[in-house]
Protein backbone atom coordinates (compact mmCIF):
# COMPACT_ATOMS: atom_id res chain seq x y z
CA MET A 1 93.64 69.50 78.23
CA ALA A 2 93.72 65.87 79.31
CA ALA A 3 94.40 65.07 82.96
CA THR A 4 97.58 63.13 82.04
CA ASP A 5 100.61 64.60 80.29
CA ASP A 6 99.22 63.42 76.94
CA ARG A 7 98.52 66.88 75.57
CA GLU A 8 96.12 67.81 72.79
CA THR A 9 94.98 70.87 70.89
CA GLU A 10 91.41 72.03 71.38
CA SER A 11 90.43 69.75 68.49
CA GLY A 12 91.98 66.66 70.09
CA ILE A 13 95.11 66.60 67.94
CA PRO A 14 97.95 65.05 70.01
CA VAL A 15 100.83 67.45 70.69
CA LYS A 16 104.37 66.09 71.02
CA PRO A 17 106.81 67.61 73.52
CA VAL A 18 109.23 68.54 70.73
CA TYR A 19 108.92 68.91 66.95
CA THR A 20 111.80 68.51 64.53
CA ALA A 21 112.52 68.88 60.83
CA ALA A 22 111.06 65.40 60.32
CA ASP A 23 107.62 66.86 61.15
CA ALA A 24 107.78 69.64 58.54
CA PRO A 25 107.84 69.63 54.74
CA ALA A 26 111.24 69.76 53.06
CA SER A 27 110.29 72.99 51.27
CA LEU A 28 107.52 75.59 51.22
CA GLU A 29 106.08 77.44 48.25
CA PRO A 30 106.37 81.25 48.31
CA PRO A 31 103.34 83.24 49.46
CA GLY A 32 101.00 84.14 46.63
CA THR A 33 101.52 80.87 44.74
CA TYR A 34 99.50 77.65 44.61
CA PRO A 35 98.33 76.17 46.97
CA PHE A 36 98.55 79.50 48.85
CA THR A 37 99.34 77.92 52.23
CA ARG A 38 101.47 80.93 53.08
CA GLY A 39 98.97 83.56 51.94
CA PRO A 40 97.07 84.76 48.86
CA TYR A 41 99.47 87.63 48.08
CA PRO A 42 103.27 87.56 47.60
CA ASP A 43 104.11 90.25 50.15
CA MET A 44 100.92 90.00 52.24
CA TYR A 45 100.57 92.92 54.68
CA ARG A 46 103.56 94.89 53.37
CA GLY A 47 101.54 95.58 50.26
CA ARG A 48 98.01 95.23 51.61
CA PRO A 49 97.41 95.49 55.38
CA TRP A 50 94.37 93.69 56.72
CA THR A 51 91.15 95.70 56.85
CA ILE A 52 90.13 96.73 60.37
CA ARG A 53 86.43 95.97 60.16
CA GLN A 54 84.66 96.33 63.51
CA TYR A 55 81.20 94.72 63.52
CA ALA A 56 78.54 97.10 64.83
CA GLY A 57 74.84 97.78 64.70
CA PHE A 58 72.14 98.27 67.30
CA ALA A 59 68.79 99.93 67.97
CA SER A 60 67.95 102.40 65.21
CA ALA A 61 69.60 103.41 61.97
CA GLU A 62 70.41 106.78 63.54
CA GLU A 63 72.30 105.27 66.49
CA SER A 64 74.15 102.75 64.33
CA ASN A 65 75.16 105.48 61.89
CA ALA A 66 76.61 107.45 64.80
CA ARG A 67 78.63 104.40 65.94
CA TYR A 68 79.98 103.81 62.40
CA ARG A 69 81.10 107.41 62.11
CA TYR A 70 82.67 107.20 65.57
CA LEU A 71 84.70 104.14 64.56
CA LEU A 72 85.68 105.50 61.14
CA ALA A 73 86.90 108.72 62.77
CA ARG A 74 89.15 106.64 65.03
CA GLY A 75 90.85 104.66 62.31
CA GLN A 76 88.50 101.83 61.34
CA THR A 77 89.04 101.11 57.65
CA GLY A 78 85.82 99.30 56.68
CA LEU A 79 82.22 99.01 57.81
CA SER A 80 80.70 95.81 59.16
CA ILE A 81 76.94 95.96 59.68
CA ALA A 82 75.03 93.86 62.21
CA PHE A 83 71.28 93.50 61.65
CA ASP A 84 68.67 92.73 64.27
CA LEU A 85 66.87 89.40 64.50
CA PRO A 86 63.62 90.46 62.76
CA THR A 87 65.61 91.80 59.80
CA GLN A 88 67.62 88.58 59.61
CA LEU A 89 64.39 86.57 59.54
CA GLY A 90 62.61 88.77 57.03
CA TYR A 91 60.08 90.37 59.38
CA ASP A 92 59.32 94.08 59.60
CA SER A 93 59.68 95.85 62.92
CA ASP A 94 55.91 96.22 63.28
CA ASP A 95 55.26 92.52 62.79
CA PRO A 96 53.86 91.02 66.04
CA ARG A 97 56.64 88.42 65.96
CA SER A 98 59.21 91.21 66.17
CA LEU A 99 57.95 92.62 69.46
CA GLY A 100 60.80 93.07 71.94
CA GLU A 101 63.52 92.13 69.42
CA VAL A 102 63.71 95.30 67.35
CA GLY A 103 67.25 96.68 67.45
CA ARG A 104 68.42 94.23 70.10
CA THR A 105 71.17 92.29 68.30
CA GLY A 106 71.79 94.73 65.47
CA VAL A 107 70.20 97.54 63.52
CA ALA A 108 66.58 97.31 62.34
CA ILE A 109 66.18 97.76 58.58
CA ASP A 110 62.66 97.54 57.12
CA SER A 111 62.89 99.67 53.98
CA ILE A 112 65.04 101.99 51.93
CA ALA A 113 64.16 104.80 54.36
CA ASP A 114 66.14 103.03 57.10
CA MET A 115 69.10 102.29 54.83
CA GLU A 116 69.30 105.92 53.76
CA ILE A 117 69.67 106.95 57.39
CA LEU A 118 72.06 104.10 58.24
CA LEU A 119 74.49 105.12 55.49
CA GLY A 120 73.98 108.87 55.70
CA GLY A 121 77.20 110.85 55.46
CA ILE A 122 79.28 107.75 54.68
CA PRO A 123 81.00 107.92 51.26
CA LEU A 124 80.14 104.54 49.75
CA ALA A 125 82.62 104.99 46.90
CA GLU A 126 85.46 105.11 49.45
CA VAL A 127 84.63 102.48 52.09
CA SER A 128 84.40 98.71 51.90
CA THR A 129 81.29 97.37 53.65
CA SER A 130 80.54 93.93 55.04
CA MET A 131 76.92 93.02 55.78
CA THR A 132 76.21 90.05 58.03
CA ILE A 133 72.90 88.92 56.58
CA ASN A 134 71.86 85.62 55.07
CA ALA A 135 68.27 84.65 54.26
CA PRO A 136 67.37 88.16 52.99
CA ALA A 137 70.94 88.95 51.89
CA SER A 138 69.95 89.90 48.35
CA LEU A 139 67.45 92.47 49.65
CA LEU A 140 69.99 94.22 51.88
CA LEU A 141 72.54 94.33 49.06
CA LEU A 142 69.92 95.84 46.76
CA LEU A 143 69.10 98.50 49.36
CA TYR A 144 72.81 99.29 49.62
CA GLU A 145 73.00 99.62 45.84
CA LEU A 146 69.94 101.91 45.73
CA VAL A 147 71.34 104.22 48.42
CA ALA A 148 74.68 104.35 46.58
CA GLU A 149 72.80 105.24 43.41
CA ASP A 150 71.20 108.18 45.24
CA GLN A 151 74.70 109.25 46.33
CA GLY A 152 75.78 109.21 42.68
CA VAL A 153 77.99 106.15 43.15
CA ALA A 154 77.97 103.66 40.27
CA PRO A 155 77.45 99.97 41.11
CA GLU A 156 80.86 99.13 39.60
CA ALA A 157 82.53 101.29 42.29
CA LEU A 158 80.99 99.50 45.26
CA ARG A 159 83.26 97.26 47.35
CA GLY A 160 82.33 94.91 50.13
CA THR A 161 80.91 91.56 51.10
CA VAL A 162 77.48 90.21 51.87
CA GLN A 163 77.53 87.07 54.00
CA ASN A 164 74.79 85.30 52.00
CA ASP A 165 75.70 81.90 53.53
CA ILE A 166 72.39 80.19 54.17
CA LEU A 167 73.69 76.64 54.66
CA LYS A 168 75.38 77.41 57.97
CA GLU A 169 72.06 78.79 59.22
CA TYR A 170 70.55 75.30 58.99
CA VAL A 171 73.60 73.95 60.83
CA ALA A 172 74.51 76.47 63.49
CA ARG A 173 72.36 79.58 63.88
CA GLY A 174 68.77 78.83 62.83
CA ASN A 175 68.18 82.16 61.10
CA TYR A 176 66.74 80.70 57.91
CA ILE A 177 63.43 81.45 56.21
CA PHE A 178 62.96 79.23 53.19
CA PRO A 179 63.82 75.58 52.47
CA PRO A 180 67.39 74.90 51.26
CA LYS A 181 66.73 74.66 47.51
CA PRO A 182 64.99 78.04 46.99
CA SER A 183 67.50 79.57 49.40
CA MET A 184 70.32 78.29 47.20
CA ARG A 185 68.55 79.82 44.21
CA LEU A 186 68.64 83.23 45.89
CA THR A 187 72.35 82.75 46.54
CA THR A 188 73.21 81.96 42.93
CA ASP A 189 70.87 84.69 41.64
CA LEU A 190 72.95 87.13 43.68
CA PHE A 191 76.15 85.67 42.17
CA SER A 192 74.82 86.31 38.66
CA TYR A 193 73.47 89.75 39.46
CA CYS A 194 76.74 90.99 40.94
CA ALA A 195 78.77 89.54 38.07
CA GLU A 196 76.79 91.81 35.74
CA ARG A 197 76.24 94.92 37.89
CA ILE A 198 78.51 94.99 40.98
CA PRO A 199 81.67 93.21 39.84
CA ARG A 200 83.89 94.27 42.77
CA TRP A 201 81.50 92.92 45.38
CA ASN A 202 82.29 89.67 47.22
CA THR A 203 79.06 87.78 46.70
CA ILE A 204 79.31 85.38 49.63
CA SER A 205 81.25 85.01 52.86
CA ILE A 206 81.17 81.30 53.56
CA SER A 207 81.07 81.18 57.31
CA GLY A 208 82.81 78.80 59.64
CA TYR A 209 82.59 81.36 62.42
CA HIS A 210 79.10 80.40 63.52
CA ILE A 211 79.84 76.70 63.13
CA ARG A 212 82.66 77.11 65.66
CA GLU A 213 80.44 79.24 67.90
CA ALA A 214 77.93 76.38 67.97
CA GLY A 215 80.58 74.13 69.53
CA ALA A 216 82.47 72.66 66.56
CA THR A 217 86.14 71.79 66.76
CA ALA A 218 88.69 73.50 64.52
CA VAL A 219 88.66 70.42 62.26
CA GLN A 220 84.85 70.53 61.97
CA GLU A 221 84.92 74.27 61.36
CA LEU A 222 87.34 73.73 58.48
CA ALA A 223 85.59 70.71 56.97
CA PHE A 224 81.98 71.85 57.18
CA THR A 225 82.78 75.38 55.99
CA LEU A 226 84.63 74.13 52.92
CA ALA A 227 81.94 71.49 52.27
CA ASN A 228 79.40 74.32 52.21
CA GLY A 229 81.70 76.20 49.83
CA ILE A 230 81.72 73.17 47.54
CA ALA A 231 77.92 73.18 47.53
CA TYR A 232 77.79 76.87 46.57
CA CYS A 233 80.31 76.33 43.79
CA ARG A 234 78.37 73.34 42.47
CA ALA A 235 75.15 75.39 42.46
CA ALA A 236 76.90 78.23 40.65
CA VAL A 237 78.35 75.90 38.01
CA ASP A 238 74.93 74.27 37.55
CA ALA A 239 73.52 77.78 37.01
CA GLY A 240 75.99 78.28 34.15
CA LEU A 241 78.57 80.43 35.95
CA SER A 242 82.32 80.06 35.44
CA PRO A 243 84.38 78.99 38.47
CA ASP A 244 87.23 81.16 37.24
CA GLU A 245 84.90 84.17 37.41
CA PHE A 246 82.66 83.64 40.45
CA GLY A 247 85.58 82.05 42.32
CA GLU A 248 87.30 85.44 42.46
CA ARG A 249 84.40 86.89 44.44
CA LEU A 250 84.13 84.17 47.07
CA SER A 251 85.36 84.92 50.56
CA PHE A 252 85.35 83.02 53.84
CA PHE A 253 84.69 83.91 57.46
CA PHE A 254 86.52 82.03 60.19
CA ASN A 255 86.63 82.06 63.96
CA ALA A 256 89.87 83.07 65.69
CA HIS A 257 89.76 80.89 68.80
CA ASN A 258 91.97 80.42 71.86
CA ASP A 259 94.50 77.76 70.84
CA PHE A 260 96.93 80.17 69.16
CA PHE A 261 99.13 77.74 67.23
CA GLN A 262 96.23 75.55 66.12
CA GLU A 263 94.37 78.61 64.82
CA VAL A 264 97.35 79.82 62.77
CA ALA A 265 97.67 76.32 61.30
CA LYS A 266 93.92 76.17 60.63
CA PHE A 267 93.99 79.30 58.47
CA ARG A 268 96.96 77.97 56.51
CA ALA A 269 95.29 74.57 56.03
CA ALA A 270 92.09 76.27 54.84
CA ARG A 271 93.94 77.98 51.99
CA ARG A 272 95.70 74.77 50.97
CA LEU A 273 92.47 72.75 50.98
CA TRP A 274 90.45 75.33 49.07
CA ALA A 275 93.08 75.74 46.36
CA ARG A 276 93.00 71.98 45.85
CA ILE A 277 89.18 71.95 45.75
CA MET A 278 88.90 74.76 43.20
CA LYS A 279 91.61 73.32 40.97
CA GLU A 280 90.74 69.61 41.13
CA ARG A 281 86.96 69.62 41.57
CA PHE A 282 85.96 72.67 39.58
CA GLY A 283 88.83 73.04 37.14
CA ALA A 284 89.59 76.61 38.11
CA THR A 285 92.81 77.85 36.51
CA ASN A 286 92.56 81.48 37.63
CA PRO A 287 94.89 81.92 40.65
CA LYS A 288 92.48 84.49 42.11
CA ALA A 289 89.74 81.87 42.06
CA GLN A 290 91.99 79.30 43.71
CA ALA A 291 93.26 81.57 46.51
CA LEU A 292 91.09 81.57 49.62
CA ARG A 293 90.63 84.99 51.22
CA PHE A 294 89.01 85.33 54.62
CA HIS A 295 87.68 87.61 57.30
CA ALA A 296 88.21 86.58 60.91
CA GLN A 297 86.42 87.46 64.12
CA THR A 298 87.63 86.67 67.58
CA GLY A 299 85.65 83.98 69.38
CA GLY A 300 82.45 85.26 70.93
CA SER A 301 81.81 81.97 72.71
CA THR A 302 85.17 82.25 74.47
CA LEU A 303 84.20 85.49 76.22
CA THR A 304 83.27 85.13 79.87
CA ALA A 305 80.87 87.12 82.00
CA GLN A 306 83.11 86.32 84.96
CA GLN A 307 86.14 88.65 85.19
CA PRO A 308 85.23 90.24 81.83
CA GLU A 309 88.46 92.25 81.57
CA ASN A 310 90.26 88.94 81.04
CA ASN A 311 88.56 88.96 77.66
CA ILE A 312 90.87 91.76 76.51
CA VAL A 313 93.78 89.31 76.73
CA ARG A 314 91.81 86.51 75.04
CA VAL A 315 90.86 88.81 72.17
CA ALA A 316 94.46 90.00 71.68
CA ILE A 317 95.74 86.41 71.45
CA GLN A 318 92.98 85.42 69.05
CA ALA A 319 93.51 88.51 66.90
CA LEU A 320 97.24 87.78 66.67
CA SER A 321 96.45 84.23 65.49
CA ALA A 322 94.31 85.64 62.67
CA VAL A 323 97.04 88.08 61.65
CA ALA A 324 99.80 85.46 61.84
CA GLY A 325 97.51 83.19 59.82
CA GLY A 326 97.03 85.77 57.06
CA ALA A 327 93.50 87.20 57.47
CA GLN A 328 92.35 89.81 54.94
CA SER A 329 90.10 91.57 57.44
CA LEU A 330 89.48 91.28 61.16
CA HIS A 331 86.94 92.11 63.84
CA THR A 332 88.00 92.11 67.48
CA ASN A 333 85.28 91.55 70.07
CA ALA A 334 84.73 93.94 72.93
CA PHE A 335 85.48 92.63 76.43
CA ASP A 336 81.93 93.20 77.71
CA GLU A 337 80.04 91.31 74.98
CA ALA A 338 79.26 88.36 77.26
CA LEU A 339 77.13 90.84 79.21
CA ALA A 340 75.67 93.32 76.71
CA LEU A 341 76.27 95.15 73.46
CA PRO A 342 79.61 97.00 73.52
CA THR A 343 79.88 100.47 74.99
CA GLU A 344 81.90 103.10 73.14
CA HIS A 345 84.66 102.51 75.71
CA SER A 346 84.89 98.75 75.12
CA ALA A 347 84.51 99.16 71.34
CA ARG A 348 87.45 101.57 71.36
CA ILE A 349 89.65 99.09 73.27
CA ALA A 350 88.75 96.40 70.70
CA LEU A 351 89.65 98.76 67.86
CA ARG A 352 92.90 99.84 69.53
CA THR A 353 93.86 96.15 69.94
CA GLN A 354 94.06 95.81 66.16
CA GLN A 355 95.84 99.12 65.76
CA ILE A 356 98.49 98.15 68.34
CA LEU A 357 99.04 94.83 66.56
CA ALA A 358 99.46 96.64 63.24
CA SER A 359 101.46 99.64 64.44
CA GLU A 360 103.56 98.24 67.29
CA GLY A 361 103.62 94.47 66.89
CA GLY A 362 105.71 94.07 63.74
CA THR A 363 102.88 92.12 62.14
CA LEU A 364 103.00 93.97 58.80
CA ASP A 365 106.65 93.29 58.12
CA THR A 366 106.80 89.84 56.57
CA ALA A 367 104.50 87.23 55.03
CA ASP A 368 103.66 84.02 56.91
CA PRO A 369 105.93 84.79 59.89
CA LEU A 370 105.45 81.35 61.46
CA GLY A 371 105.91 79.43 58.21
CA GLY A 372 108.62 76.81 58.60
CA SER A 373 107.99 76.29 62.30
CA TYR A 374 108.13 72.55 62.81
CA TYR A 375 105.06 72.66 65.05
CA ILE A 376 103.02 74.96 62.79
CA GLU A 377 103.80 72.91 59.69
CA ALA A 378 102.91 69.64 61.44
CA LEU A 379 99.62 71.11 62.70
CA THR A 380 98.80 72.52 59.27
CA SER A 381 99.23 69.11 57.66
CA GLU A 382 97.30 67.29 60.40
CA LEU A 383 94.38 69.70 60.20
CA GLU A 384 94.36 69.34 56.42
CA VAL A 385 94.23 65.53 56.62
CA ARG A 386 91.54 65.42 59.30
CA ALA A 387 89.37 68.04 57.61
CA TRP A 388 89.66 66.26 54.24
CA GLU A 389 88.50 63.00 55.81
CA LEU A 390 85.41 64.78 57.14
CA ILE A 391 84.75 66.45 53.78
CA GLU A 392 84.81 62.99 52.20
CA ARG A 393 82.21 61.80 54.72
CA VAL A 394 79.99 64.72 53.67
CA ASP A 395 80.57 63.76 50.03
CA GLU A 396 79.44 60.19 50.76
CA LEU A 397 76.13 61.57 52.05
CA GLY A 398 75.56 63.47 48.81
CA GLY A 399 77.21 66.79 49.66
CA ALA A 400 76.58 69.55 52.19
CA VAL A 401 72.88 70.11 51.47
CA ASP A 402 72.04 66.41 51.81
CA ALA A 403 74.27 66.04 54.87
CA ILE A 404 72.47 68.95 56.52
CA GLU A 405 69.02 67.62 55.59
CA GLN A 406 69.99 64.24 57.10
CA GLY A 407 71.16 65.95 60.31
CA PHE A 408 74.71 64.62 60.06
CA VAL A 409 76.48 67.96 60.36
CA GLN A 410 74.29 69.12 63.22
CA SER A 411 74.83 65.88 65.15
CA GLU A 412 78.61 66.05 64.78
CA ILE A 413 78.71 69.63 66.10
CA GLU A 414 76.30 68.87 68.95
CA GLN A 415 78.48 65.98 70.10
CA ALA A 416 81.62 68.11 69.98
CA ALA A 417 79.91 70.87 71.98
CA PHE A 418 78.72 68.35 74.58
CA ASP A 419 82.19 66.83 74.91
CA TRP A 420 83.75 70.27 75.38
CA GLN A 421 81.26 71.26 78.08
CA GLN A 422 81.86 68.00 79.92
CA GLN A 423 85.62 68.65 79.89
CA VAL A 424 85.07 72.15 81.29
CA GLU A 425 82.78 70.87 84.04
CA ARG A 426 85.31 68.19 85.00
CA GLY A 427 88.08 70.80 85.09
CA GLU A 428 90.01 69.16 82.26
CA ARG A 429 89.72 72.33 80.19
CA VAL A 430 90.64 75.41 82.19
CA ILE A 431 88.63 78.61 81.72
CA VAL A 432 90.31 81.30 83.80
CA GLY A 433 87.83 82.92 86.14
CA VAL A 434 85.17 80.28 85.48
CA ASN A 435 86.47 76.90 86.68
CA ARG A 436 89.83 78.09 88.02
CA TYR A 437 91.21 81.32 89.54
CA GLN A 438 87.73 82.53 90.45
CA GLU A 439 87.03 85.69 92.42
CA GLU A 440 84.39 85.84 95.14
CA GLU A 441 83.09 89.26 94.17
CA PRO A 442 81.91 89.93 90.59
CA GLU A 443 83.50 92.86 88.78
CA ARG A 444 81.35 95.91 88.16
CA VAL A 445 81.30 96.86 84.49
CA GLU A 446 79.41 99.75 82.91
CA LEU A 447 77.04 98.28 80.31
CA HIS A 448 75.52 99.70 77.15
CA ARG A 449 71.82 100.42 77.51
CA LEU A 450 69.47 100.54 74.55
CA ASP A 451 67.08 103.45 74.21
CA PRO A 452 63.67 101.97 75.13
CA GLU A 453 62.00 104.36 72.69
CA ALA A 454 64.00 103.14 69.68
CA GLU A 455 61.55 100.34 68.85
CA ARG A 456 58.57 102.71 68.89
CA ARG A 457 60.33 105.21 66.59
CA GLN A 458 61.29 102.42 64.19
CA ILE A 459 57.72 101.14 63.96
CA GLU A 460 56.43 104.66 63.35
CA ARG A 461 58.91 105.22 60.51
CA THR A 462 57.87 101.97 58.79
CA ALA A 463 54.21 102.99 59.08
CA ARG A 464 55.03 106.34 57.44
CA VAL A 465 56.81 104.59 54.55
CA ARG A 466 53.69 102.53 53.84
CA ALA A 467 51.37 105.52 54.17
CA GLU A 468 53.38 107.82 51.89
CA ARG A 469 54.35 105.47 49.06
CA ASN A 470 52.44 104.84 45.83
CA ALA A 471 50.25 101.91 46.91
CA GLU A 472 49.48 100.76 43.36
CA GLU A 473 53.15 100.70 42.38
CA ALA A 474 54.04 98.78 45.52
CA ALA A 475 51.35 96.18 44.83
CA ARG A 476 52.43 95.85 41.19
CA THR A 477 56.09 95.27 42.05
CA LEU A 478 55.22 92.71 44.74
CA GLU A 479 53.18 90.81 42.19
CA ALA A 480 56.20 90.85 39.86
CA VAL A 481 58.27 89.31 42.66
CA ARG A 482 55.65 86.59 43.13
CA GLU A 483 55.62 85.76 39.41
CA ALA A 484 59.42 85.62 39.25
CA ALA A 485 59.53 83.35 42.31
CA SER A 486 57.19 80.89 40.62
CA GLY A 487 59.48 80.71 37.59
CA ASP A 488 63.24 80.57 37.13
CA ALA A 489 64.20 84.15 36.21
CA ASN A 490 66.74 86.00 38.33
CA LEU A 491 64.83 87.49 41.25
CA LEU A 492 67.09 90.42 42.05
CA PRO A 493 65.96 92.86 39.31
CA VAL A 494 62.28 92.58 40.29
CA MET A 495 63.11 92.76 44.00
CA ARG A 496 65.16 95.90 43.35
CA GLU A 497 62.14 97.55 41.75
CA ALA A 498 59.95 96.53 44.70
CA LEU A 499 62.43 98.08 47.13
CA ARG A 500 62.65 101.21 44.99
CA ALA A 501 58.84 101.40 45.22
CA ARG A 502 59.37 101.43 49.02
CA CYS A 503 58.10 97.92 49.64
CA THR A 504 59.46 96.55 52.89
CA ILE A 505 61.74 93.59 53.47
CA GLY A 506 58.94 91.88 55.37
CA GLU A 507 56.48 92.31 52.50
CA ILE A 508 58.89 90.88 49.93
CA CYS A 509 59.85 87.96 52.19
CA GLU A 510 56.18 87.24 52.87
CA THR A 511 55.58 87.11 49.12
CA LEU A 512 58.38 84.55 48.80
CA ARG A 513 57.10 82.57 51.81
CA ALA A 514 53.74 82.25 50.09
CA GLU A 515 55.44 80.72 47.04
CA TRP A 516 58.19 78.62 48.64
CA GLY A 517 57.02 77.88 52.17
CA MET A 518 59.16 78.01 55.31
CA TYR A 519 61.77 75.53 56.46
CA ASP A 520 60.83 73.47 59.53
CA ALA A 521 64.00 72.00 61.05
CA LEU A 522 62.17 69.66 63.44
CA ARG A 523 60.05 68.18 60.68
CA ALA A 524 63.06 67.91 58.35
CA ARG A 525 65.05 65.89 60.93
CA ALA A 526 62.12 63.75 62.12
C-alpha cells in the first residue's frame, strides 16, 4: 500500500474511497451464459460443489499412497499428485543428477512399478485425479492409464487433469526438458490421444499459479496465462483439432492471493476474457468450449516462516476468494509449508478449512455472491482491460512462444517481483510478523521429517525393474520411440508400449533428448 492515502490493489490498480452504480455495468448476464463472468454453470455450487483437491506427494510411492488414503478417508473428494524434481525433469531416481532430490518435493515415479504402488487401493473409476507434471506429462498420464487398465477400468471412465503446461516452465519455474517447439508437439499429441482414448480427461491445466508465485501481479497472471492458452489453442488448431472439441477439455490453474476483492474480480475477468478469446479468435460456438473452468491453490509465496500459524488465516481468506470467484476445485496450503512439507496435523487443518467454508460458510447457496457489488464489478472490468492490453503486447511480439523466447514475459515478471520486494523492505507493503507486528521469539512448530531411507529403497526398486524386465522388448520399444520422435506421428502410443515394457521415464526422456536436444534458457536469452 502506498505511503499516502492513494490506495491501490496489489496490482497497482487505484482504489476509490467509495464506489457507486456509475462504476458497475447496468446489467449482468446470468451465470452459465456467455461470457460466463458469473460462472460456467447456472446454479454453480448448488448443483456442483467445488472439488476439494488437496495437493500431496512426498518420499516414496508407499508413503504418498498412505497420505492420499488418509485424506480421502477424511472427506477429500479428488486426488492431486505432486511429483519430485527428478520426475519433473525426466530423470530416474538412480541418475547421479537426482542424488539428494529423490522424494523431496513430491513422490518419485520412475516406472509403472511405482505408479502401481502409488495408486494401490484407490478406485480410479470413482475418483478424479489431478497430476502436476509438465515436461513428461504424457508419460505420467500413460502410466495412470496402464494402472487403471490393470484395475479393469476403461480409459473412457477416467476423470482428471494433467497439468501439461510447458510454456509457464520457461517463464516461471524452469522445470523444462526440451526446446519449446517439440514440447508443444508433446502437448498437442496428448490432446489428440485423449480425444480418442480418454475423452473425459482434461488435457491441460494452463497455469497462472506459478507465474504469480514468481512475482507477477494479478494483471500479469491473467494476461500471460491466457496468452499461453492462446498459444496452445493455436497449436491444437494447426494440428487439425476442433476448438469446439478440445476447448471442452481445457482447464486453468490460478493463484488465490491475499487481496480478497481483487482475487474475486480476477477470476471473474478470466472467464470473461477467455470466452471472448475462444469465440472471436478461434470461432468456438460450443458453450462448454467458451466457458473457462479453473482450479485454484492458495498462495504459497504468501506463507511466512515467521509466526507460521498466521498462515491459517491467510489461507482461509485466499480460499474464500477462490470460492466467491467460482473455482471448480481448490487446494488449501498447510500453515507450515514455508518451513517443510506438511505434517498430517497441518494437512488436516488445511482440509478442514475447505470443509468449514463449504459446510458452515453459506458458500454453496448461491452463484456469484458478490456479483453486482460496485467495487467488484469495477475491479473486474479494470482487470479485464489491463490484462487485454498486455495480451495485445504479447501478440505484437508474435504470440506467447515468441514472447517467451525473446525474454519479454520473464522480464516483466522479474520487474514486478523486484518492485514488490522493494515495497516490502520499505514497509509500504505490510507482511504481518515479517515487517510489522514481529515477535522476538520464534514459534516452535513440529515439522514433517522425510524417511532418510526412502531414496535408497526407491533406487533399489528401479534397479529391480530393469533387472527383471524383458531387455529385448524394452530396447525395441525405446527404438520405436526414437523413430517416432524423428517423424511426425503421435508419440503417445509408442511411449505407452515402452512404459508397458517397463522402460523408465528417464530412459524414454533420454531417448527424446537425443533426438530433440535440451533447452538452454541462458543461451536462448543471450
